[in-house]
PDB file of all heavy atoms in Angstrom:
ATOM      1  N   CYS A   1      52.826-157.019 124.479  1.00  0.00           N
ATOM      2  CA  CYS A   1      54.224-156.806 124.836  1.00  0.00           C
ATOM      3  C   CYS A   1      54.404-156.858 126.350  1.00  0.00           C
ATOM      4  O   CYS A   1      53.649-156.256 127.107  1.00  0.00           O
ATOM      5  CB  CYS A   1      54.698-155.456 124.305  1.00  0.00           C
ATOM      6  SG  CYS A   1      56.409-155.066 124.725  1.00  0.00           S
ATOM      7  N   TYR A   2      55.435-157.557 126.803  1.00  0.00           N
ATOM      8  CA  TYR A   2      55.734-157.689 128.228  1.00  0.00           C
ATOM      9  C   TYR A   2      56.297-156.393 128.806  1.00  0.00           C
ATOM     10  O   TYR A   2      56.079-156.090 129.971  1.00  0.00           O
ATOM     11  CB  TYR A   2      56.723-158.833 128.422  1.00  0.00           C
ATOM     12  CG  TYR A   2      57.034-159.138 129.858  1.00  0.00           C
ATOM     13  CD1 TYR A   2      56.156-159.880 130.640  1.00  0.00           C
ATOM     14  CD2 TYR A   2      58.211-158.687 130.447  1.00  0.00           C
ATOM     15  CE1 TYR A   2      56.436-160.161 131.959  1.00  0.00           C
ATOM     16  CE2 TYR A   2      58.496-158.964 131.770  1.00  0.00           C
ATOM     17  CZ  TYR A   2      57.604-159.706 132.523  1.00  0.00           C
ATOM     18  OH  TYR A   2      57.891-159.981 133.827  1.00  0.00           O
ATOM     19  N   ASP A   3      57.043-155.625 128.017  1.00  0.00           N
ATOM     20  CA  ASP A   3      57.698-154.421 128.508  1.00  0.00           C
ATOM     21  C   ASP A   3      56.806-153.181 128.506  1.00  0.00           C
ATOM     22  O   ASP A   3      57.132-152.195 129.153  1.00  0.00           O
ATOM     23  CB  ASP A   3      58.962-154.116 127.694  1.00  0.00           C
ATOM     24  CG  ASP A   3      60.093-155.066 128.012  1.00  0.00           C
ATOM     25  OD1 ASP A   3      60.055-155.698 129.087  1.00  0.00           O
ATOM     26  OD2 ASP A   3      61.025-155.174 127.194  1.00  0.00           O
ATOM     27  N   CYS A   4      55.701-153.205 127.795  1.00  0.00           N
ATOM     28  CA  CYS A   4      54.798-152.048 127.769  1.00  0.00           C
ATOM     29  C   CYS A   4      53.994-151.982 129.067  1.00  0.00           C
ATOM     30  O   CYS A   4      53.878-152.964 129.798  1.00  0.00           O
ATOM     31  CB  CYS A   4      53.853-152.143 126.579  1.00  0.00           C
ATOM     32  SG  CYS A   4      54.650-151.733 125.021  1.00  0.00           S
ATOM     33  N   VAL A   5      53.425-150.841 129.313  1.00  0.00           N
ATOM     34  CA  VAL A   5      52.592-150.642 130.493  1.00  0.00           C
ATOM     35  C   VAL A   5      51.445-151.662 130.458  1.00  0.00           C
ATOM     36  O   VAL A   5      50.866-151.899 129.397  1.00  0.00           O
ATOM     37  CB  VAL A   5      52.034-149.196 130.497  1.00  0.00           C
ATOM     38  CG1 VAL A   5      51.184-148.944 131.709  1.00  0.00           C
ATOM     39  CG2 VAL A   5      53.171-148.208 130.416  1.00  0.00           C
ATOM     40  N   PRO A   6      51.088-152.266 131.590  1.00  0.00           N
ATOM     41  CA  PRO A   6      50.022-153.283 131.591  1.00  0.00           C
ATOM     42  C   PRO A   6      48.685-152.794 131.030  1.00  0.00           C
ATOM     43  O   PRO A   6      47.923-153.594 130.508  1.00  0.00           O
ATOM     44  CB  PRO A   6      49.874-153.642 133.072  1.00  0.00           C
ATOM     45  CG  PRO A   6      51.172-153.267 133.695  1.00  0.00           C
ATOM     46  CD  PRO A   6      51.693-152.112 132.891  1.00  0.00           C
ATOM     47  N   ASP A   7      48.410-151.497 131.118  1.00  0.00           N
ATOM     48  CA  ASP A   7      47.143-150.977 130.603  1.00  0.00           C
ATOM     49  C   ASP A   7      47.150-150.804 129.088  1.00  0.00           C
ATOM     50  O   ASP A   7      46.097-150.710 128.470  1.00  0.00           O
ATOM     51  CB  ASP A   7      46.826-149.631 131.259  1.00  0.00           C
ATOM     52  CG  ASP A   7      46.624-149.780 132.758  1.00  0.00           C
ATOM     53  OD1 ASP A   7      46.230-150.875 133.196  1.00  0.00           O
ATOM     54  OD2 ASP A   7      46.878-148.799 133.487  1.00  0.00           O
ATOM     55  N   ALA A   8      48.322-150.752 128.486  1.00  0.00           N
ATOM     56  CA  ALA A   8      48.427-150.538 127.040  1.00  0.00           C
ATOM     57  C   ALA A   8      48.283-151.868 126.299  1.00  0.00           C
ATOM     58  O   ALA A   8      48.785-152.887 126.738  1.00  0.00           O
ATOM     59  CB  ALA A   8      49.767-149.900 126.708  1.00  0.00           C
ATOM     60  N   ASP A   9      47.577-151.827 125.185  1.00  0.00           N
ATOM     61  CA  ASP A   9      47.435-153.016 124.350  1.00  0.00           C
ATOM     62  C   ASP A   9      48.378-152.905 123.162  1.00  0.00           C
ATOM     63  O   ASP A   9      48.002-152.475 122.081  1.00  0.00           O
ATOM     64  CB  ASP A   9      45.997-153.166 123.857  1.00  0.00           C
ATOM     65  CG  ASP A   9      45.060-153.606 124.956  1.00  0.00           C
ATOM     66  OD1 ASP A   9      45.524-154.287 125.886  1.00  0.00           O
ATOM     67  OD2 ASP A   9      43.872-153.265 124.888  1.00  0.00           O
ATOM     68  N   ALA A  10      49.632-153.276 123.374  1.00  0.00           N
ATOM     69  CA  ALA A  10      50.634-153.253 122.309  1.00  0.00           C
ATOM     70  C   ALA A  10      50.854-154.690 121.858  1.00  0.00           C
ATOM     71  O   ALA A  10      51.416-155.500 122.599  1.00  0.00           O
ATOM     72  CB  ALA A  10      51.933-152.646 122.815  1.00  0.00           C
ATOM     73  N   PRO A  11      50.384-155.046 120.667  1.00  0.00           N
ATOM     74  CA  PRO A  11      50.530-156.424 120.211  1.00  0.00           C
ATOM     75  C   PRO A  11      51.995-156.814 120.029  1.00  0.00           C
ATOM     76  O   PRO A  11      52.812-156.011 119.577  1.00  0.00           O
ATOM     77  CB  PRO A  11      49.786-156.446 118.878  1.00  0.00           C
ATOM     78  CG  PRO A  11      49.704-155.029 118.450  1.00  0.00           C
ATOM     79  CD  PRO A  11      49.740-154.197 119.689  1.00  0.00           C
ATOM     80  N   ALA A  12      52.311-158.021 120.404  1.00  0.00           N
ATOM     81  CA  ALA A  12      53.676-158.531 120.268  1.00  0.00           C
ATOM     82  C   ALA A  12      53.955-158.901 118.814  1.00  0.00           C
ATOM     83  O   ALA A  12      53.094-159.424 118.112  1.00  0.00           O
ATOM     84  CB  ALA A  12      53.866-159.749 121.158  1.00  0.00           C
ATOM     85  N   VAL A  13      55.164-158.599 118.369  1.00  0.00           N
ATOM     86  CA  VAL A  13      55.582-158.942 117.007  1.00  0.00           C
ATOM     87  C   VAL A  13      56.767-159.900 117.013  1.00  0.00           C
ATOM     88  O   VAL A  13      57.147-160.420 115.975  1.00  0.00           O
ATOM     89  CB  VAL A  13      55.937-157.683 116.180  1.00  0.00           C
ATOM     90  CG1 VAL A  13      54.719-156.797 115.995  1.00  0.00           C
ATOM     91  CG2 VAL A  13      57.070-156.909 116.830  1.00  0.00           C
ATOM     92  N   ALA A  14      57.358-160.131 118.206  1.00  0.00           N
ATOM     93  CA  ALA A  14      58.520-161.005 118.305  1.00  0.00           C
ATOM     94  C   ALA A  14      58.630-161.554 119.722  1.00  0.00           C
ATOM     95  O   ALA A  14      57.974-161.069 120.639  1.00  0.00           O
ATOM     96  CB  ALA A  14      59.795-160.240 117.944  1.00  0.00           C
ATOM     97  N   ILE A  15      59.483-162.545 119.870  1.00  0.00           N
ATOM     98  CA  ILE A  15      59.765-163.162 121.168  1.00  0.00           C
ATOM     99  C   ILE A  15      61.262-163.041 121.414  1.00  0.00           C
ATOM    100  O   ILE A  15      62.071-163.324 120.530  1.00  0.00           O
ATOM    101  CB  ILE A  15      59.365-164.655 121.171  1.00  0.00           C
ATOM    102  CG1 ILE A  15      57.891-164.829 120.840  1.00  0.00           C
ATOM    103  CG2 ILE A  15      59.717-165.314 122.493  1.00  0.00           C
ATOM    104  CD1 ILE A  15      56.939-164.302 121.878  1.00  0.00           C
ATOM    105  N   CYS A  16      61.655-162.634 122.634  1.00  0.00           N
ATOM    106  CA  CYS A  16      63.066-162.517 122.988  1.00  0.00           C
ATOM    107  C   CYS A  16      63.712-163.905 122.953  1.00  0.00           C
ATOM    108  O   CYS A  16      63.192-164.861 123.533  1.00  0.00           O
ATOM    109  CB  CYS A  16      63.224-161.895 124.378  1.00  0.00           C
ATOM    110  SG  CYS A  16      64.945-161.802 124.917  1.00  0.00           S
ATOM    111  N   ARG A  17      64.825-164.003 122.278  1.00  0.00           N
ATOM    112  CA  ARG A  17      65.518-165.280 122.140  1.00  0.00           C
ATOM    113  C   ARG A  17      66.084-165.770 123.468  1.00  0.00           C
ATOM    114  O   ARG A  17      66.212-166.964 123.698  1.00  0.00           O
ATOM    115  CB  ARG A  17      66.655-165.130 121.129  1.00  0.00           C
ATOM    116  CG  ARG A  17      67.397-166.410 120.856  1.00  0.00           C
ATOM    117  CD  ARG A  17      68.409-166.169 119.749  1.00  0.00           C
ATOM    118  NE  ARG A  17      69.076-167.394 119.409  1.00  0.00           N
ATOM    119  CZ  ARG A  17      70.198-167.811 119.990  1.00  0.00           C
ATOM    120  NH1 ARG A  17      70.748-167.099 120.939  1.00  0.00           N
ATOM    121  NH2 ARG A  17      70.757-168.938 119.615  1.00  0.00           N
ATOM    122  N   ASN A  18      66.429-164.862 124.374  1.00  0.00           N
ATOM    123  CA  ASN A  18      67.050-165.256 125.640  1.00  0.00           C
ATOM    124  C   ASN A  18      66.033-165.588 126.723  1.00  0.00           C
ATOM    125  O   ASN A  18      66.128-166.625 127.361  1.00  0.00           O
ATOM    126  CB  ASN A  18      67.986-164.148 126.137  1.00  0.00           C
ATOM    127  CG  ASN A  18      69.168-163.965 125.230  1.00  0.00           C
ATOM    128  OD1 ASN A  18      69.512-164.835 124.453  1.00  0.00           O
ATOM    129  ND2 ASN A  18      69.795-162.816 125.316  1.00  0.00           N
ATOM    130  N   CYS A  19      65.062-164.699 126.969  1.00  0.00           N
ATOM    131  CA  CYS A  19      64.150-164.892 128.099  1.00  0.00           C
ATOM    132  C   CYS A  19      62.743-165.325 127.691  1.00  0.00           C
ATOM    133  O   CYS A  19      61.962-165.732 128.531  1.00  0.00           O
ATOM    134  CB  CYS A  19      64.097-163.633 128.962  1.00  0.00           C
ATOM    135  SG  CYS A  19      63.302-162.225 128.165  1.00  0.00           S
ATOM    136  N   GLY A  20      62.390-165.191 126.413  1.00  0.00           N
ATOM    137  CA  GLY A  20      61.077-165.627 125.944  1.00  0.00           C
ATOM    138  C   GLY A  20      59.961-164.623 126.120  1.00  0.00           C
ATOM    139  O   GLY A  20      58.798-164.961 125.931  1.00  0.00           O
ATOM    140  N   ALA A  21      60.282-163.382 126.481  1.00  0.00           N
ATOM    141  CA  ALA A  21      59.259-162.354 126.652  1.00  0.00           C
ATOM    142  C   ALA A  21      58.717-161.916 125.295  1.00  0.00           C
ATOM    143  O   ALA A  21      59.461-161.787 124.324  1.00  0.00           O
ATOM    144  CB  ALA A  21      59.842-161.147 127.389  1.00  0.00           C
ATOM    145  N   ALA A  22      57.403-161.674 125.246  1.00  0.00           N
ATOM    146  CA  ALA A  22      56.779-161.150 124.027  1.00  0.00           C
ATOM    147  C   ALA A  22      57.123-159.671 123.915  1.00  0.00           C
ATOM    148  O   ALA A  22      57.128-158.948 124.904  1.00  0.00           O
ATOM    149  CB  ALA A  22      55.275-161.346 124.092  1.00  0.00           C
ATOM    150  N   LEU A  23      57.414-159.225 122.684  1.00  0.00           N
ATOM    151  CA  LEU A  23      57.874-157.849 122.473  1.00  0.00           C
ATOM    152  C   LEU A  23      57.093-157.161 121.360  1.00  0.00           C
ATOM    153  O   LEU A  23      56.783-157.768 120.343  1.00  0.00           O
ATOM    154  CB  LEU A  23      59.354-157.847 122.094  1.00  0.00           C
ATOM    155  CG  LEU A  23      60.287-158.529 123.083  1.00  0.00           C
ATOM    156  CD1 LEU A  23      61.648-158.726 122.465  1.00  0.00           C
ATOM    157  CD2 LEU A  23      60.381-157.727 124.348  1.00  0.00           C
ATOM    158  N   CYS A  24      56.830-155.867 121.572  1.00  0.00           N
ATOM    159  CA  CYS A  24      56.205-155.062 120.529  1.00  0.00           C
ATOM    160  C   CYS A  24      57.303-154.522 119.602  1.00  0.00           C
ATOM    161  O   CYS A  24      58.484-154.780 119.815  1.00  0.00           O
ATOM    162  CB  CYS A  24      55.414-153.911 121.142  1.00  0.00           C
ATOM    163  SG  CYS A  24      56.438-152.670 121.958  1.00  0.00           S
ATOM    164  N   GLU A  25      56.899-153.758 118.618  1.00  0.00           N
ATOM    165  CA  GLU A  25      57.836-153.215 117.636  1.00  0.00           C
ATOM    166  C   GLU A  25      58.866-152.279 118.276  1.00  0.00           C
ATOM    167  O   GLU A  25      60.017-152.234 117.857  1.00  0.00           O
ATOM    168  CB  GLU A  25      57.047-152.467 116.565  1.00  0.00           C
ATOM    169  CG  GLU A  25      57.731-152.398 115.239  1.00  0.00           C
ATOM    170  CD  GLU A  25      56.801-151.856 114.182  1.00  0.00           C
ATOM    171  OE1 GLU A  25      55.766-152.484 113.927  1.00  0.00           O
ATOM    172  OE2 GLU A  25      57.133-150.797 113.614  1.00  0.00           O
ATOM    173  N   GLN A  26      58.477-151.550 119.316  1.00  0.00           N
ATOM    174  CA  GLN A  26      59.388-150.613 119.970  1.00  0.00           C
ATOM    175  C   GLN A  26      60.424-151.317 120.842  1.00  0.00           C
ATOM    176  O   GLN A  26      61.539-150.842 120.976  1.00  0.00           O
ATOM    177  CB  GLN A  26      58.609-149.632 120.843  1.00  0.00           C
ATOM    178  CG  GLN A  26      57.845-148.599 120.079  1.00  0.00           C
ATOM    179  CD  GLN A  26      57.150-147.633 121.023  1.00  0.00           C
ATOM    180  OE1 GLN A  26      56.708-148.021 122.099  1.00  0.00           O
ATOM    181  NE2 GLN A  26      57.064-146.385 120.613  1.00  0.00           N
ATOM    182  N   HIS A  27      60.058-152.408 121.471  1.00  0.00           N
ATOM    183  CA  HIS A  27      60.946-153.068 122.422  1.00  0.00           C
ATOM    184  C   HIS A  27      61.765-154.214 121.822  1.00  0.00           C
ATOM    185  O   HIS A  27      62.663-154.727 122.478  1.00  0.00           O
ATOM    186  CB  HIS A  27      60.145-153.582 123.625  1.00  0.00           C
ATOM    187  CG  HIS A  27      59.627-152.472 124.469  1.00  0.00           C
ATOM    188  ND1 HIS A  27      58.288-152.162 124.540  1.00  0.00           N
ATOM    189  CD2 HIS A  27      60.263-151.578 125.265  1.00  0.00           C
ATOM    190  CE1 HIS A  27      58.124-151.139 125.354  1.00  0.00           C
ATOM    191  NE2 HIS A  27      59.308-150.749 125.789  1.00  0.00           N
ATOM    192  N   ALA A  28      61.473-154.642 120.626  1.00  0.00           N
ATOM    193  CA  ALA A  28      62.233-155.706 119.971  1.00  0.00           C
ATOM    194  C   ALA A  28      63.499-155.116 119.354  1.00  0.00           C
ATOM    195  O   ALA A  28      63.432-154.208 118.532  1.00  0.00           O
ATOM    196  CB  ALA A  28      61.389-156.380 118.895  1.00  0.00           C
ATOM    197  N   LEU A  29      64.634-155.607 119.773  1.00  0.00           N
ATOM    198  CA  LEU A  29      65.918-155.124 119.264  1.00  0.00           C
ATOM    199  C   LEU A  29      66.617-156.236 118.504  1.00  0.00           C
ATOM    200  O   LEU A  29      66.638-157.382 118.942  1.00  0.00           O
ATOM    201  CB  LEU A  29      66.798-154.655 120.423  1.00  0.00           C
ATOM    202  CG  LEU A  29      66.210-153.568 121.314  1.00  0.00           C
ATOM    203  CD1 LEU A  29      67.062-153.392 122.554  1.00  0.00           C
ATOM    204  CD2 LEU A  29      66.120-152.275 120.551  1.00  0.00           C
ATOM    205  N   SER A  30      67.214-155.893 117.397  1.00  0.00           N
ATOM    206  CA  SER A  30      67.957-156.852 116.601  1.00  0.00           C
ATOM    207  C   SER A  30      69.430-156.782 116.995  1.00  0.00           C
ATOM    208  O   SER A  30      70.024-155.713 117.002  1.00  0.00           O
ATOM    209  CB  SER A  30      67.801-156.526 115.115  1.00  0.00           C
ATOM    210  OG  SER A  30      68.558-157.413 114.344  1.00  0.00           O
ATOM    211  N   ALA A  31      70.007-157.933 117.322  1.00  0.00           N
ATOM    212  CA  ALA A  31      71.410-157.997 117.719  1.00  0.00           C
ATOM    213  C   ALA A  31      72.148-158.964 116.795  1.00  0.00           C
ATOM    214  O   ALA A  31      71.619-160.024 116.463  1.00  0.00           O
ATOM    215  CB  ALA A  31      71.534-158.466 119.162  1.00  0.00           C
ATOM    216  N   PRO A  32      73.355-158.620 116.374  1.00  0.00           N
ATOM    217  CA  PRO A  32      74.105-159.525 115.504  1.00  0.00           C
ATOM    218  C   PRO A  32      74.625-160.726 116.294  1.00  0.00           C
ATOM    219  O   PRO A  32      74.870-160.647 117.493  1.00  0.00           O
ATOM    220  CB  PRO A  32      75.266-158.667 115.005  1.00  0.00           C
ATOM    221  CG  PRO A  32      75.440-157.634 116.055  1.00  0.00           C
ATOM    222  CD  PRO A  32      74.085-157.383 116.630  1.00  0.00           C
TER     223      PRO A  32
END
């Protein structure tokens, strides 16, 4: 995940549709 602390190993589960950042389960938000 791009938004997690660099020392943490949080696997990405999604990619932001706007900027392309990899996101973990906590940082991935669903928008209508």
